[in-house]
Amino acid sequence: MIAERFFHLDCNAVIPECGHKCAKCIDEIRSVVGGTSGVAEVSLGKRGAIAGIAVRYDPDGTSDEDLVRVLRTLPTFYRGRFVPKVLDA
């Protein structure tokens, strides 16, 4: 069974103008999150006015908590980190 979660990635304290539009950041999100065990698909989008990441995954291979841990390490090219929050759990 595939689950889908939408994560808001708050990075405004680090990158105030962030809208998850930087190609380097997008590539890293897709590569790192997409390479996580159990992840089937990663897409960037919006829920209303909130920009974030939709992740489709197999809950037997990973969990919301695993995905939050992975997202907290991104982006690796800034000192600060994203503060991920599951919006539709």
PDB file of N, CA and C in Angstrom:
ATOM      1  N   MET A   1       0.838  -1.177   0.000  1.00  0.00           N
ATOM      2  CA  MET A   1       0.000   0.000   0.000  1.00  0.00           C
ATOM      3  C   MET A   1       0.887   1.247   0.000  1.00  0.00           C
ATOM      4  N   ILE A   2       0.569   2.188  -0.841  1.00  0.00           N
ATOM      5  CA  ILE A   2       1.332   3.422  -0.945  1.00  0.00           C
ATOM      6  C   ILE A   2       0.609   4.537  -0.176  1.00  0.00           C
ATOM      7  N   ALA A   3       1.368   5.260   0.618  1.00  0.00           N
ATOM      8  CA  ALA A   3       0.842   6.410   1.352  1.00  0.00           C
ATOM      9  C   ALA A   3       1.399   7.676   0.716  1.00  0.00           C
ATOM     10  N   GLU A   4       0.738   8.793   0.947  1.00  0.00           N
ATOM     11  CA  GLU A   4       1.258  10.070   0.474  1.00  0.00           C
ATOM     12  C   GLU A   4       1.170  11.079   1.605  1.00  0.00           C
ATOM     13  N   ARG A   5       2.241  11.810   1.786  1.00  0.00           N
ATOM     14  CA  ARG A   5       2.280  12.875   2.785  1.00  0.00           C
ATOM     15  C   ARG A   5       2.800  14.142   2.121  1.00  0.00           C
ATOM     16  N   PHE A   6       2.295  15.265   2.599  1.00  0.00           N
ATOM     17  CA  PHE A   6       2.760  16.558   2.127  1.00  0.00           C
ATOM     18  C   PHE A   6       3.501  17.226   3.268  1.00  0.00           C
ATOM     19  N   PHE A   7       4.743  17.611   3.003  1.00  0.00           N
ATOM     20  CA  PHE A   7       5.601  18.229   4.006  1.00  0.00           C
ATOM     21  C   PHE A   7       5.851  19.683   3.659  1.00  0.00           C
ATOM     22  N   HIS A   8       5.598  20.563   4.611  1.00  0.00           N
ATOM     23  CA  HIS A   8       6.017  21.952   4.477  1.00  0.00           C
ATOM     24  C   HIS A   8       7.447  21.997   4.976  1.00  0.00           C
ATOM     25  N   LEU A   9       8.329  22.650   4.231  1.00  0.00           N
ATOM     26  CA  LEU A   9       9.726  22.770   4.641  1.00  0.00           C
ATOM     27  C   LEU A   9      10.010  24.226   4.959  1.00  0.00           C
ATOM     28  N   ASP A  10       9.925  24.567   6.217  1.00  0.00           N
ATOM     29  CA  ASP A  10      10.162  25.936   6.639  1.00  0.00           C
ATOM     30  C   ASP A  10      11.655  26.212   6.666  1.00  0.00           C
ATOM     31  N   CYS A  11      12.082  27.072   5.770  1.00  0.00           N
ATOM     32  CA  CYS A  11      13.500  27.441   5.732  1.00  0.00           C
ATOM     33  C   CYS A  11      13.658  28.956   5.746  1.00  0.00           C
ATOM     34  N   ASN A  12      12.592  29.667   6.068  1.00  0.00           N
ATOM     35  CA  ASN A  12      12.639  31.126   5.992  1.00  0.00           C
ATOM     36  C   ASN A  12      13.634  31.760   6.950  1.00  0.00           C
ATOM     37  N   ALA A  13      13.932  31.110   8.052  1.00  0.00           N
ATOM     38  CA  ALA A  13      14.937  31.662   8.967  1.00  0.00           C
ATOM     39  C   ALA A  13      16.321  31.643   8.330  1.00  0.00           C
ATOM     40  N   VAL A  14      16.544  30.692   7.423  1.00  0.00           N
ATOM     41  CA  VAL A  14      17.840  30.544   6.768  1.00  0.00           C
ATOM     42  C   VAL A  14      17.852  31.257   5.424  1.00  0.00           C
ATOM     43  N   ILE A  15      16.778  31.068   4.657  1.00  0.00           N
ATOM     44  CA  ILE A  15      16.689  31.623   3.307  1.00  0.00           C
ATOM     45  C   ILE A  15      15.332  32.333   3.200  1.00  0.00           C
ATOM     46  N   PRO A  16      15.232  33.594   3.614  1.00  0.00           N
ATOM     47  CA  PRO A  16      13.929  34.270   3.673  1.00  0.00           C
ATOM     48  C   PRO A  16      13.143  34.255   2.369  1.00  0.00           C
ATOM     49  N   GLU A  17      13.819  34.285   1.242  1.00  0.00           N
ATOM     50  CA  GLU A  17      13.121  34.345  -0.045  1.00  0.00           C
ATOM     51  C   GLU A  17      12.808  32.956  -0.613  1.00  0.00           C
ATOM     52  N   CYS A  18      13.062  31.915   0.158  1.00  0.00           N
ATOM     53  CA  CYS A  18      12.891  30.550  -0.330  1.00  0.00           C
ATOM     54  C   CYS A  18      11.442  30.254  -0.710  1.00  0.00           C
ATOM     55  N   GLY A  19      11.296  29.658  -1.825  1.00  0.00           N
ATOM     56  CA  GLY A  19      10.003  29.141  -2.268  1.00  0.00           C
ATOM     57  C   GLY A  19      10.216  27.781  -2.885  1.00  0.00           C
ATOM     58  N   HIS A  20      11.334  27.147  -2.496  1.00  0.00           N
ATOM     59  CA  HIS A  20      11.742  25.856  -3.059  1.00  0.00           C
ATOM     60  C   HIS A  20      11.845  25.958  -4.576  1.00  0.00           C
ATOM     61  N   LYS A  21      12.519  27.041  -5.031  1.00  0.00           N
ATOM     62  CA  LYS A  21      12.657  27.293  -6.458  1.00  0.00           C
ATOM     63  C   LYS A  21      14.083  27.094  -6.956  1.00  0.00           C
ATOM     64  N   CYS A  22      15.040  26.973  -6.061  1.00  0.00           N
ATOM     65  CA  CYS A  22      16.450  26.837  -6.442  1.00  0.00           C
ATOM     66  C   CYS A  22      16.686  25.454  -7.059  1.00  0.00           C
ATOM     67  N   ALA A  23      17.213  25.423  -8.269  1.00  0.00           N
ATOM     68  CA  ALA A  23      17.425  24.150  -8.978  1.00  0.00           C
ATOM     69  C   ALA A  23      18.332  23.207  -8.191  1.00  0.00           C
ATOM     70  N   LYS A  24      19.366  23.753  -7.561  1.00  0.00           N
ATOM     71  CA  LYS A  24      20.284  22.922  -6.770  1.00  0.00           C
ATOM     72  C   LYS A  24      19.544  22.265  -5.608  1.00  0.00           C
ATOM     73  N   CYS A  25      18.698  23.024  -4.960  1.00  0.00           N
ATOM     74  CA  CYS A  25      17.919  22.523  -3.830  1.00  0.00           C
ATOM     75  C   CYS A  25      16.905  21.471  -4.306  1.00  0.00           C
ATOM     76  N   ILE A  26      16.198  21.768  -5.375  1.00  0.00           N
ATOM     77  CA  ILE A  26      15.214  20.838  -5.925  1.00  0.00           C
ATOM     78  C   ILE A  26      15.868  19.520  -6.299  1.00  0.00           C
ATOM     79  N   ASP A  27      17.010  19.595  -6.969  1.00  0.00           N
ATOM     80  CA  ASP A  27      17.725  18.371  -7.348  1.00  0.00           C
ATOM     81  C   ASP A  27      18.118  17.564  -6.123  1.00  0.00           C
ATOM     82  N   GLU A  28      18.591  18.247  -5.078  1.00  0.00           N
ATOM     83  CA  GLU A  28      18.991  17.537  -3.865  1.00  0.00           C
ATOM     84  C   GLU A  28      17.788  16.894  -3.172  1.00  0.00           C
ATOM     85  N   ILE A  29      16.685  17.602  -3.093  1.00  0.00           N
ATOM     86  CA  ILE A  29      15.475  17.042  -2.489  1.00  0.00           C
ATOM     87  C   ILE A  29      15.054  15.788  -3.247  1.00  0.00           C
ATOM     88  N   ARG A  30      14.963  15.892  -4.563  1.00  0.00           N
ATOM     89  CA  ARG A  30      14.536  14.735  -5.373  1.00  0.00           C
ATOM     90  C   ARG A  30      15.500  13.573  -5.239  1.00  0.00           C
ATOM     91  N   SER A  31      16.792  13.858  -5.243  1.00  0.00           N
ATOM     92  CA  SER A  31      17.792  12.806  -5.156  1.00  0.00           C
ATOM     93  C   SER A  31      17.809  12.130  -3.791  1.00  0.00           C
ATOM     94  N   VAL A  32      17.878  12.920  -2.738  1.00  0.00           N
ATOM     95  CA  VAL A  32      18.005  12.374  -1.385  1.00  0.00           C
ATOM     96  C   VAL A  32      16.701  11.732  -0.916  1.00  0.00           C
ATOM     97  N   VAL A  33      15.595  12.452  -1.038  1.00  0.00           N
ATOM     98  CA  VAL A  33      14.318  11.900  -0.591  1.00  0.00           C
ATOM     99  C   VAL A  33      13.906  10.752  -1.506  1.00  0.00           C
ATOM    100  N   GLY A  34      14.093  10.938  -2.814  1.00  0.00           N
ATOM    101  CA  GLY A  34      13.749   9.886  -3.775  1.00  0.00           C
ATOM    102  C   GLY A  34      14.579   8.630  -3.607  1.00  0.00           C
ATOM    103  N   GLY A  35      15.777   8.758  -3.057  1.00  0.00           N
ATOM    104  CA  GLY A  35      16.650   7.613  -2.830  1.00  0.00           C
ATOM    105  C   GLY A  35      16.433   6.935  -1.486  1.00  0.00           C
ATOM    106  N   THR A  36      15.483   7.440  -0.713  1.00  0.00           N
ATOM    107  CA  THR A  36      15.175   6.862   0.595  1.00  0.00           C
ATOM    108  C   THR A  36      14.388   5.571   0.405  1.00  0.00           C
ATOM    109  N   SER A  37      14.730   4.577   1.183  1.00  0.00           N
ATOM    110  CA  SER A  37      14.066   3.274   1.103  1.00  0.00           C
ATOM    111  C   SER A  37      12.550   3.419   1.198  1.00  0.00           C
ATOM    112  N   GLY A  38      11.844   2.811   0.265  1.00  0.00           N
ATOM    113  CA  GLY A  38      10.393   2.812   0.281  1.00  0.00           C
ATOM    114  C   GLY A  38       9.738   3.964  -0.444  1.00  0.00           C
ATOM    115  N   VAL A  39      10.510   4.993  -0.832  1.00  0.00           N
ATOM    116  CA  VAL A  39       9.930   6.163  -1.506  1.00  0.00           C
ATOM    117  C   VAL A  39       9.700   5.843  -2.980  1.00  0.00           C
ATOM    118  N   ALA A  40       8.465   6.078  -3.428  1.00  0.00           N
ATOM    119  CA  ALA A  40       8.089   5.805  -4.805  1.00  0.00           C
ATOM    120  C   ALA A  40       8.143   7.057  -5.677  1.00  0.00           C
ATOM    121  N   GLU A  41       7.813   8.215  -5.089  1.00  0.00           N
ATOM    122  CA  GLU A  41       7.737   9.438  -5.887  1.00  0.00           C
ATOM    123  C   GLU A  41       7.874  10.667  -4.996  1.00  0.00           C
ATOM    124  N   VAL A  42       8.551  11.681  -5.520  1.00  0.00           N
ATOM    125  CA  VAL A  42       8.725  12.953  -4.824  1.00  0.00           C
ATOM    126  C   VAL A  42       8.332  14.054  -5.789  1.00  0.00           C
ATOM    127  N   SER A  43       7.477  14.972  -5.350  1.00  0.00           N
ATOM    128  CA  SER A  43       7.135  16.105  -6.204  1.00  0.00           C
ATOM    129  C   SER A  43       7.010  17.362  -5.360  1.00  0.00           C
ATOM    130  N   LEU A  44       7.408  18.468  -5.956  1.00  0.00           N
ATOM    131  CA  LEU A  44       7.292  19.756  -5.292  1.00  0.00           C
ATOM    132  C   LEU A  44       6.001  20.398  -5.741  1.00  0.00           C
ATOM    133  N   GLY A  45       5.339  21.066  -4.826  1.00  0.00           N
ATOM    134  CA  GLY A  45       4.085  21.698  -5.178  1.00  0.00           C
ATOM    135  C   GLY A  45       3.573  22.575  -4.067  1.00  0.00           C
ATOM    136  N   LYS A  46       2.295  22.849  -4.102  1.00  0.00           N
ATOM    137  CA  LYS A  46       1.675  23.714  -3.100  1.00  0.00           C
ATOM    138  C   LYS A  46       0.394  23.085  -2.595  1.00  0.00           C
ATOM    139  N   ARG A  47       0.093  23.379  -1.372  1.00  0.00           N
ATOM    140  CA  ARG A  47      -1.207  23.089  -0.773  1.00  0.00           C
ATOM    141  C   ARG A  47      -1.727  24.456  -0.347  1.00  0.00           C
ATOM    142  N   GLY A  48      -2.624  25.002  -1.123  1.00  0.00           N
ATOM    143  CA  GLY A  48      -3.039  26.378  -0.893  1.00  0.00           C
ATOM    144  C   GLY A  48      -1.867  27.294  -1.183  1.00  0.00           C
ATOM    145  N   ALA A  49      -1.512  28.124  -0.217  1.00  0.00           N
ATOM    146  CA  ALA A  49      -0.383  29.046  -0.383  1.00  0.00           C
ATOM    147  C   ALA A  49       0.922  28.475   0.161  1.00  0.00           C
ATOM    148  N   ILE A  50       0.893  27.231   0.659  1.00  0.00           N
ATOM    149  CA  ILE A  50       2.066  26.652   1.303  1.00  0.00           C
ATOM    150  C   ILE A  50       2.854  25.794   0.322  1.00  0.00           C
ATOM    151  N   ALA A  51       4.120  26.174   0.101  1.00  0.00           N
ATOM    152  CA  ALA A  51       5.006  25.396  -0.765  1.00  0.00           C
ATOM    153  C   ALA A  51       5.575  24.234   0.035  1.00  0.00           C
ATOM    154  N   GLY A  52       5.737  23.109  -0.623  1.00  0.00           N
ATOM    155  CA  GLY A  52       6.289  21.957   0.071  1.00  0.00           C
ATOM    156  C   GLY A  52       6.560  20.783  -0.847  1.00  0.00           C
ATOM    157  N   ILE A  53       6.668  19.615  -0.237  1.00  0.00           N
ATOM    158  CA  ILE A  53       7.053  18.396  -0.929  1.00  0.00           C
ATOM    159  C   ILE A  53       6.001  17.321  -0.694  1.00  0.00           C
ATOM    160  N   ALA A  54       5.508  16.731  -1.772  1.00  0.00           N
ATOM    161  CA  ALA A  54       4.608  15.573  -1.665  1.00  0.00           C
ATOM    162  C   ALA A  54       5.457  14.323  -1.865  1.00  0.00           C
ATOM    163  N   VAL A  55       5.339  13.390  -0.942  1.00  0.00           N
ATOM    164  CA  VAL A  55       6.127  12.153  -1.015  1.00  0.00           C
ATOM    165  C   VAL A  55       5.166  10.972  -0.996  1.00  0.00           C
ATOM    166  N   ARG A  56       5.272  10.131  -2.024  1.00  0.00           N
ATOM    167  CA  ARG A  56       4.519   8.871  -2.068  1.00  0.00           C
ATOM    168  C   ARG A  56       5.495   7.776  -1.670  1.00  0.00           C
ATOM    169  N   TYR A  57       5.087   6.934  -0.719  1.00  0.00           N
ATOM    170  CA  TYR A  57       6.007   5.939  -0.180  1.00  0.00           C
ATOM    171  C   TYR A  57       5.265   4.730   0.368  1.00  0.00           C
ATOM    172  N   ASP A  58       6.021   3.661   0.548  1.00  0.00           N
ATOM    173  CA  ASP A  58       5.504   2.433   1.138  1.00  0.00           C
ATOM    174  C   ASP A  58       5.777   2.499   2.640  1.00  0.00           C
ATOM    175  N   PRO A  59       4.734   2.558   3.468  1.00  0.00           N
ATOM    176  CA  PRO A  59       4.936   2.650   4.918  1.00  0.00           C
ATOM    177  C   PRO A  59       5.670   1.436   5.505  1.00  0.00           C
ATOM    178  N   ASP A  60       5.720   0.332   4.781  1.00  0.00           N
ATOM    179  CA  ASP A  60       6.493  -0.819   5.247  1.00  0.00           C
ATOM    180  C   ASP A  60       7.992  -0.607   5.044  1.00  0.00           C
ATOM    181  N   GLY A  61       8.370   0.351   4.167  1.00  0.00           N
ATOM    182  CA  GLY A  61       9.776   0.612   3.884  1.00  0.00           C
ATOM    183  C   GLY A  61      10.327   1.833   4.572  1.00  0.00           C
ATOM    184  N   THR A  62       9.443   2.763   4.946  1.00  0.00           N
ATOM    185  CA  THR A  62       9.858   3.987   5.629  1.00  0.00           C
ATOM    186  C   THR A  62       8.652   4.527   6.399  1.00  0.00           C
ATOM    187  N   SER A  63       8.887   5.521   7.218  1.00  0.00           N
ATOM    188  CA  SER A  63       7.806   6.106   8.013  1.00  0.00           C
ATOM    189  C   SER A  63       7.849   7.624   7.896  1.00  0.00           C
ATOM    190  N   ASP A  64       6.794   8.280   8.380  1.00  0.00           N
ATOM    191  CA  ASP A  64       6.788   9.747   8.402  1.00  0.00           C
ATOM    192  C   ASP A  64       7.995  10.265   9.175  1.00  0.00           C
ATOM    193  N   GLU A  65       8.304   9.614  10.294  1.00  0.00           N
ATOM    194  CA  GLU A  65       9.434  10.047  11.124  1.00  0.00           C
ATOM    195  C   GLU A  65      10.754   9.912  10.372  1.00  0.00           C
ATOM    196  N   ASP A  66      10.913   8.827   9.593  1.00  0.00           N
ATOM    197  CA  ASP A  66      12.126   8.649   8.784  1.00  0.00           C
ATOM    198  C   ASP A  66      12.245   9.778   7.766  1.00  0.00           C
ATOM    199  N   LEU A  67      11.138  10.107   7.113  1.00  0.00           N
ATOM    200  CA  LEU A  67      11.160  11.160   6.105  1.00  0.00           C
ATOM    201  C   LEU A  67      11.460  12.518   6.733  1.00  0.00           C
ATOM    202  N   VAL A  68      10.901  12.791   7.897  1.00  0.00           N
ATOM    203  CA  VAL A  68      11.196  14.048   8.596  1.00  0.00           C
ATOM    204  C   VAL A  68      12.689  14.125   8.915  1.00  0.00           C
ATOM    205  N   ARG A  69      13.283  13.025   9.372  1.00  0.00           N
ATOM    206  CA  ARG A  69      14.729  13.019   9.670  1.00  0.00           C
ATOM    207  C   ARG A  69      15.547  13.318   8.420  1.00  0.00           C
ATOM    208  N   VAL A  70      15.173  12.733   7.295  1.00  0.00           N
ATOM    209  CA  VAL A  70      15.884  12.977   6.038  1.00  0.00           C
ATOM    210  C   VAL A  70      15.731  14.438   5.630  1.00  0.00           C
ATOM    211  N   LEU A  71      14.526  14.959   5.697  1.00  0.00           N
ATOM    212  CA  LEU A  71      14.279  16.337   5.286  1.00  0.00           C
ATOM    213  C   LEU A  71      15.003  17.350   6.177  1.00  0.00           C
ATOM    214  N   ARG A  72      15.203  17.027   7.446  1.00  0.00           N
ATOM    215  CA  ARG A  72      15.917  17.944   8.360  1.00  0.00           C
ATOM    216  C   ARG A  72      17.377  18.134   7.956  1.00  0.00           C
ATOM    217  N   THR A  73      17.953  17.213   7.214  1.00  0.00           N
ATOM    218  CA  THR A  73      19.358  17.326   6.819  1.00  0.00           C
ATOM    219  C   THR A  73      19.545  18.170   5.560  1.00  0.00           C
ATOM    220  N   LEU A  74      18.449  18.604   4.963  1.00  0.00           N
ATOM    221  CA  LEU A  74      18.517  19.345   3.706  1.00  0.00           C
ATOM    222  C   LEU A  74      18.258  20.829   3.938  1.00  0.00           C
ATOM    223  N   PRO A  75      18.749  21.702   3.103  1.00  0.00           N
ATOM    224  CA  PRO A  75      19.754  21.476   2.078  1.00  0.00           C
ATOM    225  C   PRO A  75      21.143  21.396   2.697  1.00  0.00           C
ATOM    226  N   THR A  76      21.972  20.569   2.157  1.00  0.00           N
ATOM    227  CA  THR A  76      23.298  20.361   2.740  1.00  0.00           C
ATOM    228  C   THR A  76      24.246  21.513   2.449  1.00  0.00           C
ATOM    229  N   PHE A  77      23.897  22.372   1.497  1.00  0.00           N
ATOM    230  CA  PHE A  77      24.818  23.449   1.113  1.00  0.00           C
ATOM    231  C   PHE A  77      24.555  24.756   1.871  1.00  0.00           C
ATOM    232  N   TYR A  78      23.689  24.712   2.889  1.00  0.00           N
ATOM    233  CA  TYR A  78      23.481  25.850   3.792  1.00  0.00           C
ATOM    234  C   TYR A  78      23.756  25.394   5.213  1.00  0.00           C
ATOM    235  N   ARG A  79      24.180  26.324   6.064  1.00  0.00           N
ATOM    236  CA  ARG A  79      24.436  25.965   7.464  1.00  0.00           C
ATOM    237  C   ARG A  79      23.157  25.582   8.173  1.00  0.00           C
ATOM    238  N   GLY A  80      22.084  26.259   7.859  1.00  0.00           N
ATOM    239  CA  GLY A  80      20.796  25.963   8.476  1.00  0.00           C
ATOM    240  C   GLY A  80      20.147  24.774   7.803  1.00  0.00           C
ATOM    241  N   ARG A  81      19.076  24.357   8.358  1.00  0.00           N
ATOM    242  CA  ARG A  81      18.362  23.193   7.829  1.00  0.00           C
ATOM    243  C   ARG A  81      16.889  23.531   7.663  1.00  0.00           C
ATOM    244  N   PHE A  82      16.232  22.742   6.833  1.00  0.00           N
ATOM    245  CA  PHE A  82      14.775  22.836   6.730  1.00  0.00           C
ATOM    246  C   PHE A  82      14.165  22.384   8.049  1.00  0.00           C
ATOM    247  N   VAL A  83      13.032  22.928   8.366  1.00  0.00           N
ATOM    248  CA  VAL A  83      12.249  22.472   9.510  1.00  0.00           C
ATOM    249  C   VAL A  83      10.982  21.855   8.916  1.00  0.00           C
ATOM    250  N   PRO A  84      10.993  20.529   8.722  1.00  0.00           N
ATOM    251  CA  PRO A  84       9.849  19.892   8.055  1.00  0.00           C
ATOM    252  C   PRO A  84       8.667  19.684   8.996  1.00  0.00           C
ATOM    253  N   LYS A  85       7.486  19.771   8.424  1.00  0.00           N
ATOM    254  CA  LYS A  85       6.260  19.556   9.175  1.00  0.00           C
ATOM    255  C   LYS A  85       5.293  18.806   8.257  1.00  0.00           C
ATOM    256  N   VAL A  86       4.730  17.700   8.747  1.00  0.00           N
ATOM    257  CA  VAL A  86       3.742  16.951   7.984  1.00  0.00           C
ATOM    258  C   VAL A  86       2.433  17.715   8.050  1.00  0.00           C
ATOM    259  N   LEU A  87       1.866  18.043   6.882  1.00  0.00           N
ATOM    260  CA  LEU A  87       0.642  18.830   6.860  1.00  0.00           C
ATOM    261  C   LEU A  87      -0.623  18.005   6.753  1.00  0.00           C
ATOM    262  N   ASP A  88      -0.518  16.778   6.262  1.00  0.00           N
ATOM    263  CA  ASP A  88      -1.744  16.021   6.037  1.00  0.00           C
ATOM    264  C   ASP A  88      -1.685  14.605   6.609  1.00  0.00           C
ATOM    265  N   ALA A  89      -1.115  14.457   7.778  1.00  0.00           N
ATOM    266  CA  ALA A  89      -0.997  13.126   8.389  1.00  0.00           C
ATOM    267  C   ALA A  89      -2.329  12.681   8.953  1.00  0.00           C
TER     268      ALA A  89
END
